[in-house]
Amino acid sequence: MPPLTRIAAERERMSAIERRIADFLCDNAHLLRDYSSQQVAHALGISQSSVVKFAQKFGYRGYPDLKFSIGVAVARHGEELPDSPDSAPVSAPEDAAELALRELSSLRQAAQLQTQLTNPLPLLQQAVALIDQAPRVYVHGLGDDGVYARDLAMRLSLQGILAIHHADAILMLADLSTVRADDVLIVLSEYGKMQPLVHISRQFQALGGKVITITRHTANPLRASADTALAACANADAPYMAQLLYRSSLQLLLDSVFVLLCHANPERQRQLGVNLERVAQLIDA
């Protein structure tokens, strides 16, 4: 994997200083040959050892090796990540609104790329196998996540999976009495820090069930306790942009699981076709 892509994919799990280094490297990839570790440290107002440790974190012996790797990748492939709005070779936008839309498009493309890199195919297939083999699948999410949880439960049901959607933590807790071994609980939680969801997940596992979580790509208790943890990447300085990017990355993950379920089990695809035909007949009636 190209070094800048690896760095971008890990950004959300970095410390504040590491993020500053990561942003500097990504923004100045073509100029790094002129920067020593001491100069990078001076430009960022941090210690030289922080730059060296950052390089070592990604498996390099030191900053010179990281700099060389980035230089080779840039020389071979050009920009590794989608261009930022400022660097894209496009005509000047008519106004700030057009610039904001260009920025949204660029950030969304980068967030989806990072999400794909963070959730490799084997990890997605692991989640799909748990869902496909589960006697019952419980889907739980609160707030905005609840909207996506409801849609996921409906799509699983169309594939012939016994999917139970809960938008209320109390009702989900009460329904734990029906949980059996190998049942699956899918929990959608943007930040993964809500204690009721963590409690429900642990109780579900204690009863022999498996838990799949989808959260942001950050360290959080819900993700840490999951049997399979999927992560949505959403890097943006503006809060309103970050929220949109999270939703876009979340939808990409849910769509990926849906498609892989159809691919892994032809019966799911057949059942989906039958149920969609029934829905069409109901609409036309």
C-alpha atoms as a PDB file:
ATOM      1  CA  MET A   1       0.000   0.000   0.000  1.00  0.00           C
ATOM      2  CA  PRO A   2       1.450   3.461  -0.900  1.00  0.00           C
ATOM      3  CA  PRO A   3       2.805   5.256   2.193  1.00  0.00           C
ATOM      4  CA  LEU A   4       0.587   8.337   1.980  1.00  0.00           C
ATOM      5  CA  THR A   5      -2.488   6.140   1.633  1.00  0.00           C
ATOM      6  CA  ARG A   6      -1.459   4.168   4.733  1.00  0.00           C
ATOM      7  CA  ILE A   7      -0.920   7.390   6.656  1.00  0.00           C
ATOM      8  CA  ALA A   8      -4.302   8.802   5.606  1.00  0.00           C
ATOM      9  CA  ALA A   9      -6.069   5.556   6.550  1.00  0.00           C
ATOM     10  CA  GLU A  10      -4.629   5.684  10.081  1.00  0.00           C
ATOM     11  CA  ARG A  11      -5.188   9.395  10.669  1.00  0.00           C
ATOM     12  CA  GLU A  12      -8.228   9.120  12.933  1.00  0.00           C
ATOM     13  CA  ARG A  13      -6.356   6.874  15.365  1.00  0.00           C
ATOM     14  CA  MET A  14      -3.387   9.243  15.672  1.00  0.00           C
ATOM     15  CA  SER A  15      -2.544  11.651  18.448  1.00  0.00           C
ATOM     16  CA  ALA A  16      -2.803  15.404  17.817  1.00  0.00           C
ATOM     17  CA  ILE A  17       0.927  15.676  17.080  1.00  0.00           C
ATOM     18  CA  GLU A  18       0.869  12.664  14.765  1.00  0.00           C
ATOM     19  CA  ARG A  19      -2.024  14.175  12.833  1.00  0.00           C
ATOM     20  CA  ARG A  20      -0.036  17.373  12.308  1.00  0.00           C
ATOM     21  CA  ILE A  21       2.870  15.355  10.966  1.00  0.00           C
ATOM     22  CA  ALA A  22       0.566  13.283   8.749  1.00  0.00           C
ATOM     23  CA  ASP A  23      -1.103  16.378   7.307  1.00  0.00           C
ATOM     24  CA  PHE A  24       2.277  18.000   6.664  1.00  0.00           C
ATOM     25  CA  LEU A  25       3.579  14.938   4.801  1.00  0.00           C
ATOM     26  CA  CYS A  26       0.425  14.589   2.689  1.00  0.00           C
ATOM     27  CA  ASP A  27       0.293  18.305   1.846  1.00  0.00           C
ATOM     28  CA  ASN A  28       4.000  18.537   0.968  1.00  0.00           C
ATOM     29  CA  ALA A  29       4.690  15.141  -0.593  1.00  0.00           C
ATOM     30  CA  HIS A  30       6.432  16.634  -3.648  1.00  0.00           C
ATOM     31  CA  LEU A  31       8.703  18.787  -1.489  1.00  0.00           C
ATOM     32  CA  LEU A  32       9.806  16.297   1.178  1.00  0.00           C
ATOM     33  CA  ARG A  33      13.149  15.624  -0.523  1.00  0.00           C
ATOM     34  CA  ASP A  34      14.168  19.127   0.616  1.00  0.00           C
ATOM     35  CA  TYR A  35      13.108  18.573   4.260  1.00  0.00           C
ATOM     36  CA  SER A  36      15.134  16.857   6.956  1.00  0.00           C
ATOM     37  CA  SER A  37      13.434  15.523  10.061  1.00  0.00           C
ATOM     38  CA  GLN A  38      14.779  18.531  11.945  1.00  0.00           C
ATOM     39  CA  GLN A  39      13.265  20.933   9.409  1.00  0.00           C
ATOM     40  CA  VAL A  40       9.881  19.159   9.564  1.00  0.00           C
ATOM     41  CA  ALA A  41       9.999  19.365  13.355  1.00  0.00           C
ATOM     42  CA  HIS A  42      10.882  23.059  13.222  1.00  0.00           C
ATOM     43  CA  ALA A  43       8.084  23.803  10.727  1.00  0.00           C
ATOM     44  CA  LEU A  44       5.537  22.109  13.003  1.00  0.00           C
ATOM     45  CA  GLY A  45       6.958  23.319  16.299  1.00  0.00           C
ATOM     46  CA  ILE A  46       7.525  19.826  17.652  1.00  0.00           C
ATOM     47  CA  SER A  47      10.528  17.724  18.661  1.00  0.00           C
ATOM     48  CA  GLN A  48      12.658  15.914  16.079  1.00  0.00           C
ATOM     49  CA  SER A  49      12.129  12.639  17.955  1.00  0.00           C
ATOM     50  CA  SER A  50       8.369  12.921  17.306  1.00  0.00           C
ATOM     51  CA  VAL A  51       9.032  12.900  13.558  1.00  0.00           C
ATOM     52  CA  VAL A  52      11.372   9.912  13.848  1.00  0.00           C
ATOM     53  CA  LYS A  53       8.894   7.959  16.004  1.00  0.00           C
ATOM     54  CA  PHE A  54       6.150   8.721  13.491  1.00  0.00           C
ATOM     55  CA  ALA A  55       8.210   7.107  10.709  1.00  0.00           C
ATOM     56  CA  GLN A  56       9.018   4.103  12.894  1.00  0.00           C
ATOM     57  CA  LYS A  57       5.326   3.656  13.692  1.00  0.00           C
ATOM     58  CA  PHE A  58       4.792   2.782  10.025  1.00  0.00           C
ATOM     59  CA  GLY A  59       7.622   0.261   9.948  1.00  0.00           C
ATOM     60  CA  TYR A  60      10.466   2.470   8.695  1.00  0.00           C
ATOM     61  CA  ARG A  61      13.869   2.621  10.366  1.00  0.00           C
ATOM     62  CA  GLY A  62      13.649   6.379  10.466  1.00  0.00           C
ATOM     63  CA  TYR A  63      12.466   9.518   8.689  1.00  0.00           C
ATOM     64  CA  PRO A  64      14.907   9.196   5.714  1.00  0.00           C
ATOM     65  CA  ASP A  65      13.393   5.816   4.799  1.00  0.00           C
ATOM     66  CA  LEU A  66       9.868   7.192   5.019  1.00  0.00           C
ATOM     67  CA  LYS A  67      10.834  10.225   2.932  1.00  0.00           C
ATOM     68  CA  PHE A  68      12.428   8.000   0.290  1.00  0.00           C
ATOM     69  CA  SER A  69       9.362   5.723   0.152  1.00  0.00           C
ATOM     70  CA  ILE A  70       7.030   8.683  -0.330  1.00  0.00           C
ATOM     71  CA  GLY A  71       9.312  10.154  -2.990  1.00  0.00           C
ATOM     72  CA  VAL A  72       9.359   6.897  -4.967  1.00  0.00           C
ATOM     73  CA  ALA A  73       5.575   6.521  -4.753  1.00  0.00           C
ATOM     74  CA  VAL A  74       4.983  10.093  -5.892  1.00  0.00           C
ATOM     75  CA  ALA A  75       7.433   9.690  -8.777  1.00  0.00           C
ATOM     76  CA  ARG A  76       5.707   6.490  -9.936  1.00  0.00           C
ATOM     77  CA  HIS A  77       2.064   7.299  -9.399  1.00  0.00           C
ATOM     78  CA  GLY A  78       1.754  11.021  -8.857  1.00  0.00           C
ATOM     79  CA  GLU A  79      -0.699  12.043  -6.149  1.00  0.00           C
ATOM     80  CA  GLU A  80      -1.757   8.958  -4.170  1.00  0.00           C
ATOM     81  CA  LEU A  81      -4.893  10.470  -2.689  1.00  0.00           C
ATOM     82  CA  PRO A  82      -7.627  12.548  -4.340  1.00  0.00           C
ATOM     83  CA  ASP A  83      -6.458  16.077  -4.967  1.00  0.00           C
ATOM     84  CA  SER A  84      -7.570  18.721  -2.522  1.00  0.00           C
ATOM     85  CA  PRO A  85      -9.834  21.461  -3.855  1.00  0.00           C
ATOM     86  CA  ASP A  86      -6.944  23.939  -3.783  1.00  0.00           C
ATOM     87  CA  SER A  87      -4.636  21.782  -5.893  1.00  0.00           C
ATOM     88  CA  ALA A  88      -7.128  20.398  -8.403  1.00  0.00           C
ATOM     89  CA  PRO A  89      -6.509  21.630 -11.958  1.00  0.00           C
ATOM     90  CA  VAL A  90      -9.931  23.164 -12.454  1.00  0.00           C
ATOM     91  CA  SER A  91     -11.140  26.596 -13.314  1.00  0.00           C
ATOM     92  CA  ALA A  92     -11.644  29.054 -10.473  1.00  0.00           C
ATOM     93  CA  PRO A  93     -15.031  28.551  -8.812  1.00  0.00           C
ATOM     94  CA  GLU A  94     -17.631  31.208  -9.279  1.00  0.00           C
ATOM     95  CA  ASP A  95     -18.149  31.678  -5.561  1.00  0.00           C
ATOM     96  CA  ALA A  96     -17.574  30.172  -2.137  1.00  0.00           C
ATOM     97  CA  ALA A  97     -20.591  27.884  -2.543  1.00  0.00           C
ATOM     98  CA  GLU A  98     -19.077  26.160  -5.572  1.00  0.00           C
ATOM     99  CA  LEU A  99     -15.792  25.773  -3.729  1.00  0.00           C
ATOM    100  CA  ALA A 100     -17.617  24.146  -0.796  1.00  0.00           C
ATOM    101  CA  LEU A 101     -19.260  21.621  -3.129  1.00  0.00           C
ATOM    102  CA  ARG A 102     -15.903  20.789  -4.718  1.00  0.00           C
ATOM    103  CA  GLU A 103     -14.450  20.289  -1.260  1.00  0.00           C
ATOM    104  CA  LEU A 104     -17.320  17.983  -0.294  1.00  0.00           C
ATOM    105  CA  SER A 105     -16.792  15.847  -3.394  1.00  0.00           C
ATOM    106  CA  SER A 106     -13.038  15.591  -2.781  1.00  0.00           C
ATOM    107  CA  LEU A 107     -13.373  14.800   0.930  1.00  0.00           C
ATOM    108  CA  ARG A 108     -16.086  12.212   0.298  1.00  0.00           C
ATOM    109  CA  GLN A 109     -13.906  10.429  -2.252  1.00  0.00           C
ATOM    110  CA  ALA A 110     -10.970  10.401   0.189  1.00  0.00           C
ATOM    111  CA  ALA A 111     -13.162   9.210   3.092  1.00  0.00           C
ATOM    112  CA  GLN A 112     -14.575   6.323   1.062  1.00  0.00           C
ATOM    113  CA  LEU A 113     -11.087   5.299  -0.070  1.00  0.00           C
ATOM    114  CA  GLN A 114      -9.874   5.308   3.542  1.00  0.00           C
ATOM    115  CA  THR A 115     -12.955   3.329   4.611  1.00  0.00           C
ATOM    116  CA  GLN A 116     -12.239   0.666   1.985  1.00  0.00           C
ATOM    117  CA  LEU A 117      -8.607   0.412   3.106  1.00  0.00           C
ATOM    118  CA  THR A 118      -9.607   0.221   6.778  1.00  0.00           C
ATOM    119  CA  ASN A 119     -12.143  -2.555   6.106  1.00  0.00           C
ATOM    120  CA  PRO A 120     -10.375  -5.075   3.835  1.00  0.00           C
ATOM    121  CA  LEU A 121     -12.349  -7.798   2.096  1.00  0.00           C
ATOM    122  CA  PRO A 122     -11.508 -10.554   4.645  1.00  0.00           C
ATOM    123  CA  LEU A 123     -12.909  -8.411   7.467  1.00  0.00           C
ATOM    124  CA  LEU A 124     -16.111  -7.725   5.523  1.00  0.00           C
ATOM    125  CA  GLN A 125     -16.424 -11.411   4.651  1.00  0.00           C
ATOM    126  CA  GLN A 126     -16.068 -12.290   8.329  1.00  0.00           C
ATOM    127  CA  ALA A 127     -19.026 -10.044   9.157  1.00  0.00           C
ATOM    128  CA  VAL A 128     -21.025 -11.435   6.222  1.00  0.00           C
ATOM    129  CA  ALA A 129     -20.393 -15.040   7.343  1.00  0.00           C
ATOM    130  CA  LEU A 130     -21.686 -14.282  10.845  1.00  0.00           C
ATOM    131  CA  ILE A 131     -24.836 -12.670   9.437  1.00  0.00           C
ATOM    132  CA  ASP A 132     -25.474 -15.351   6.827  1.00  0.00           C
ATOM    133  CA  GLN A 133     -25.231 -18.199   9.353  1.00  0.00           C
ATOM    134  CA  ALA A 134     -27.102 -16.506  12.207  1.00  0.00           C
ATOM    135  CA  PRO A 135     -30.510 -17.879  13.270  1.00  0.00           C
ATOM    136  CA  ARG A 136     -31.560 -14.284  14.011  1.00  0.00           C
ATOM    137  CA  VAL A 137     -29.971 -10.903  13.419  1.00  0.00           C
ATOM    138  CA  TYR A 138     -30.743  -8.004  15.747  1.00  0.00           C
ATOM    139  CA  VAL A 139     -29.997  -4.520  14.394  1.00  0.00           C
ATOM    140  CA  HIS A 140     -29.711  -1.627  16.836  1.00  0.00           C
ATOM    141  CA  GLY A 141     -28.925   2.058  16.458  1.00  0.00           C
ATOM    142  CA  LEU A 142     -29.952   5.280  18.171  1.00  0.00           C
ATOM    143  CA  GLY A 143     -30.540   8.742  16.719  1.00  0.00           C
ATOM    144  CA  ASP A 144     -29.256   9.183  13.166  1.00  0.00           C
ATOM    145  CA  ASP A 145     -27.719   5.716  13.325  1.00  0.00           C
ATOM    146  CA  GLY A 146     -31.197   4.351  13.944  1.00  0.00           C
ATOM    147  CA  VAL A 147     -32.282   5.446  10.459  1.00  0.00           C
ATOM    148  CA  TYR A 148     -29.502   3.396   8.875  1.00  0.00           C
ATOM    149  CA  ALA A 149     -30.165   0.492  11.254  1.00  0.00           C
ATOM    150  CA  ARG A 150     -33.808   0.351  10.175  1.00  0.00           C
ATOM    151  CA  ASP A 151     -32.838   0.390   6.493  1.00  0.00           C
ATOM    152  CA  LEU A 152     -30.281  -2.384   7.063  1.00  0.00           C
ATOM    153  CA  ALA A 153     -32.828  -4.557   8.885  1.00  0.00           C
ATOM    154  CA  MET A 154     -35.281  -4.133   6.020  1.00  0.00           C
ATOM    155  CA  ARG A 155     -32.692  -5.103   3.407  1.00  0.00           C
ATOM    156  CA  LEU A 156     -31.639  -8.159   5.411  1.00  0.00           C
ATOM    157  CA  SER A 157     -35.288  -9.198   5.671  1.00  0.00           C
ATOM    158  CA  LEU A 158     -35.654  -8.894   1.895  1.00  0.00           C
ATOM    159  CA  GLN A 159     -32.776 -11.366   1.601  1.00  0.00           C
ATOM    160  CA  GLY A 160     -34.652 -13.900   3.719  1.00  0.00           C
ATOM    161  CA  ILE A 161     -32.772 -13.200   6.948  1.00  0.00           C
ATOM    162  CA  LEU A 162     -34.754 -13.040  10.186  1.00  0.00           C
ATOM    163  CA  ALA A 163     -33.802  -9.470  11.097  1.00  0.00           C
ATOM    164  CA  ILE A 164     -35.161  -7.703  14.181  1.00  0.00           C
ATOM    165  CA  HIS A 165     -34.767  -3.929  14.379  1.00  0.00           C
ATOM    166  CA  HIS A 166     -34.728  -2.063  17.690  1.00  0.00           C
ATOM    167  CA  ALA A 167     -34.598   1.726  18.006  1.00  0.00           C
ATOM    168  CA  ASP A 168     -35.068   1.715  21.784  1.00  0.00           C
ATOM    169  CA  ALA A 169     -32.292   0.574  24.125  1.00  0.00           C
ATOM    170  CA  ILE A 170     -34.774  -0.541  26.797  1.00  0.00           C
ATOM    171  CA  LEU A 171     -36.682  -2.738  24.351  1.00  0.00           C
ATOM    172  CA  MET A 172     -33.437  -4.181  23.040  1.00  0.00           C
ATOM    173  CA  LEU A 173     -32.349  -4.955  26.594  1.00  0.00           C
ATOM    174  CA  ALA A 174     -35.675  -6.656  27.277  1.00  0.00           C
ATOM    175  CA  ASP A 175     -35.370  -8.722  24.109  1.00  0.00           C
ATOM    176  CA  LEU A 176     -32.090 -10.221  25.306  1.00  0.00           C
ATOM    177  CA  SER A 177     -34.148 -12.947  26.941  1.00  0.00           C
ATOM    178  CA  THR A 178     -34.816 -14.367  23.458  1.00  0.00           C
ATOM    179  CA  VAL A 179     -31.154 -14.465  22.387  1.00  0.00           C
ATOM    180  CA  ARG A 180     -29.676 -17.852  21.499  1.00  0.00           C
ATOM    181  CA  ALA A 181     -26.185 -19.024  20.609  1.00  0.00           C
ATOM    182  CA  ASP A 182     -24.915 -17.752  17.232  1.00  0.00           C
ATOM    183  CA  ASP A 183     -27.507 -14.977  17.018  1.00  0.00           C
ATOM    184  CA  VAL A 184     -25.899 -11.761  15.762  1.00  0.00           C
ATOM    185  CA  LEU A 185     -26.290  -8.216  17.017  1.00  0.00           C
ATOM    186  CA  ILE A 186     -25.303  -5.401  14.646  1.00  0.00           C
ATOM    187  CA  VAL A 187     -24.791  -2.124  16.502  1.00  0.00           C
ATOM    188  CA  LEU A 188     -24.468   1.179  14.652  1.00  0.00           C
ATOM    189  CA  SER A 189     -23.005   3.950  16.797  1.00  0.00           C
ATOM    190  CA  GLU A 190     -21.038   6.859  15.376  1.00  0.00           C
ATOM    191  CA  TYR A 191     -18.747   7.389  18.365  1.00  0.00           C
ATOM    192  CA  GLY A 192     -19.210   4.031  20.109  1.00  0.00           C
ATOM    193  CA  LYS A 193     -19.239   5.577  23.573  1.00  0.00           C
ATOM    194  CA  MET A 194     -22.866   5.224  24.685  1.00  0.00           C
ATOM    195  CA  GLN A 195     -22.799   3.023  27.766  1.00  0.00           C
ATOM    196  CA  PRO A 196     -26.256   1.448  27.190  1.00  0.00           C
ATOM    197  CA  LEU A 197     -25.023   0.117  23.837  1.00  0.00           C
ATOM    198  CA  VAL A 198     -21.795  -1.185  25.368  1.00  0.00           C
ATOM    199  CA  HIS A 199     -23.791  -2.890  28.134  1.00  0.00           C
ATOM    200  CA  ILE A 200     -26.228  -4.480  25.677  1.00  0.00           C
ATOM    201  CA  SER A 201     -23.369  -5.735  23.502  1.00  0.00           C
ATOM    202  CA  ARG A 202     -21.599  -7.405  26.409  1.00  0.00           C
ATOM    203  CA  GLN A 203     -24.805  -8.982  27.682  1.00  0.00           C
ATOM    204  CA  PHE A 204     -25.514 -10.270  24.172  1.00  0.00           C
ATOM    205  CA  GLN A 205     -22.062 -11.906  24.007  1.00  0.00           C
ATOM    206  CA  ALA A 206     -22.517 -13.426  27.459  1.00  0.00           C
ATOM    207  CA  LEU A 207     -25.587 -15.233  26.095  1.00  0.00           C
ATOM    208  CA  GLY A 208     -23.540 -16.768  23.279  1.00  0.00           C
ATOM    209  CA  GLY A 209     -24.308 -14.220  20.563  1.00  0.00           C
ATOM    210  CA  LYS A 210     -21.875 -12.457  18.243  1.00  0.00           C
ATOM    211  CA  VAL A 211     -21.586  -8.672  17.992  1.00  0.00           C
ATOM    212  CA  ILE A 212     -20.736  -6.679  14.873  1.00  0.00           C
ATOM    213  CA  THR A 213     -20.166  -2.957  15.402  1.00  0.00           C
ATOM    214  CA  ILE A 214     -19.957  -0.096  12.932  1.00  0.00           C
ATOM    215  CA  THR A 215     -18.475   3.074  14.427  1.00  0.00           C
ATOM    216  CA  ARG A 216     -16.082   5.818  13.475  1.00  0.00           C
ATOM    217  CA  HIS A 217     -12.480   4.773  12.923  1.00  0.00           C
ATOM    218  CA  THR A 218     -11.485   5.765  16.457  1.00  0.00           C
ATOM    219  CA  ALA A 219     -10.721   3.940  19.679  1.00  0.00           C
ATOM    220  CA  ASN A 220     -13.982   3.419  21.578  1.00  0.00           C
ATOM    221  CA  PRO A 221     -15.368   0.851  24.054  1.00  0.00           C
ATOM    222  CA  LEU A 222     -18.038  -0.493  21.710  1.00  0.00           C
ATOM    223  CA  ARG A 223     -15.544  -1.224  18.973  1.00  0.00           C
ATOM    224  CA  ALA A 224     -13.060  -2.737  21.428  1.00  0.00           C
ATOM    225  CA  SER A 225     -15.550  -5.313  22.701  1.00  0.00           C
ATOM    226  CA  ALA A 226     -16.916  -6.402  19.294  1.00  0.00           C
ATOM    227  CA  ASP A 227     -16.402  -9.797  17.698  1.00  0.00           C
ATOM    228  CA  THR A 228     -16.119  -8.017  14.353  1.00  0.00           C
ATOM    229  CA  ALA A 229     -15.566  -4.256  14.212  1.00  0.00           C
ATOM    230  CA  LEU A 230     -16.143  -2.279  11.020  1.00  0.00           C
ATOM    231  CA  ALA A 231     -15.117   1.369  10.869  1.00  0.00           C
ATOM    232  CA  ALA A 232     -16.323   4.383   8.881  1.00  0.00           C
ATOM    233  CA  CYS A 233     -13.666   7.007   8.132  1.00  0.00           C
ATOM    234  CA  ALA A 234     -14.626  10.686   8.069  1.00  0.00           C
ATOM    235  CA  ASN A 235     -11.819  13.260   8.197  1.00  0.00           C
ATOM    236  CA  ALA A 236     -12.834  16.910   7.998  1.00  0.00           C
ATOM    237  CA  ASP A 237     -12.139  20.012  10.043  1.00  0.00           C
ATOM    238  CA  ALA A 238     -15.655  21.426   9.663  1.00  0.00           C
ATOM    239  CA  PRO A 239     -18.177  19.532  11.850  1.00  0.00           C
ATOM    240  CA  TYR A 240     -20.913  19.677   9.227  1.00  0.00           C
ATOM    241  CA  MET A 241     -18.560  18.147   6.653  1.00  0.00           C
ATOM    242  CA  ALA A 242     -17.425  15.416   9.075  1.00  0.00           C
ATOM    243  CA  GLN A 243     -21.044  14.396   9.708  1.00  0.00           C
ATOM    244  CA  LEU A 244     -21.765  14.102   5.979  1.00  0.00           C
ATOM    245  CA  LEU A 245     -18.600  12.096   5.403  1.00  0.00           C
ATOM    246  CA  TYR A 246     -19.493   9.695   8.215  1.00  0.00           C
ATOM    247  CA  ARG A 247     -22.907   9.046   6.682  1.00  0.00           C
ATOM    248  CA  SER A 248     -21.362   8.481   3.258  1.00  0.00           C
ATOM    249  CA  SER A 249     -18.757   6.042   4.616  1.00  0.00           C
ATOM    250  CA  LEU A 250     -21.389   4.270   6.741  1.00  0.00           C
ATOM    251  CA  GLN A 251     -23.616   3.776   3.706  1.00  0.00           C
ATOM    252  CA  LEU A 252     -20.651   2.396   1.761  1.00  0.00           C
ATOM    253  CA  LEU A 253     -20.051  -0.213   4.474  1.00  0.00           C
ATOM    254  CA  LEU A 254     -23.715  -1.231   4.632  1.00  0.00           C
ATOM    255  CA  ASP A 255     -23.915  -1.491   0.842  1.00  0.00           C
ATOM    256  CA  SER A 256     -20.750  -3.605   0.817  1.00  0.00           C
ATOM    257  CA  VAL A 257     -22.214  -6.042   3.353  1.00  0.00           C
ATOM    258  CA  PHE A 258     -25.460  -6.249   1.365  1.00  0.00           C
ATOM    259  CA  VAL A 259     -23.674  -6.990  -1.917  1.00  0.00           C
ATOM    260  CA  LEU A 260     -21.338  -9.570  -0.351  1.00  0.00           C
ATOM    261  CA  LEU A 261     -24.301 -11.374   1.220  1.00  0.00           C
ATOM    262  CA  CYS A 262     -25.852 -11.747  -2.229  1.00  0.00           C
ATOM    263  CA  HIS A 263     -22.520 -12.885  -3.647  1.00  0.00           C
ATOM    264  CA  ALA A 264     -21.730 -15.362  -0.865  1.00  0.00           C
ATOM    265  CA  ASN A 265     -25.104 -17.103  -0.835  1.00  0.00           C
ATOM    266  CA  PRO A 266     -27.117 -17.465  -4.082  1.00  0.00           C
ATOM    267  CA  GLU A 267     -30.194 -18.243  -1.986  1.00  0.00           C
ATOM    268  CA  ARG A 268     -30.051 -14.716  -0.548  1.00  0.00           C
ATOM    269  CA  GLN A 269     -30.058 -13.297  -4.046  1.00  0.00           C
ATOM    270  CA  ARG A 270     -32.942 -15.528  -5.106  1.00  0.00           C
ATOM    271  CA  GLN A 271     -34.988 -14.615  -2.037  1.00  0.00           C
ATOM    272  CA  LEU A 272     -34.286 -10.933  -2.641  1.00  0.00           C
ATOM    273  CA  GLY A 273     -35.669 -11.231  -6.169  1.00  0.00           C
ATOM    274  CA  VAL A 274     -38.825 -12.973  -4.921  1.00  0.00           C
ATOM    275  CA  ASN A 275     -39.470 -10.371  -2.232  1.00  0.00           C
ATOM    276  CA  LEU A 276     -38.803  -7.421  -4.527  1.00  0.00           C
ATOM    277  CA  GLU A 277     -41.329  -8.876  -6.970  1.00  0.00           C
ATOM    278  CA  ARG A 278     -43.874  -9.105  -4.151  1.00  0.00           C
ATOM    279  CA  VAL A 279     -43.219  -5.488  -3.208  1.00  0.00           C
ATOM    280  CA  ALA A 280     -43.659  -4.415  -6.843  1.00  0.00           C
ATOM    281  CA  GLN A 281     -46.988  -6.263  -7.072  1.00  0.00           C
ATOM    282  CA  LEU A 282     -48.171  -4.614  -3.877  1.00  0.00           C
ATOM    283  CA  ILE A 283     -47.274  -1.169  -5.212  1.00  0.00           C
ATOM    284  CA  ASP A 284     -49.026  -1.814  -8.538  1.00  0.00           C
ATOM    285  CA  ALA A 285     -52.159  -3.251  -6.901  1.00  0.00           C
END
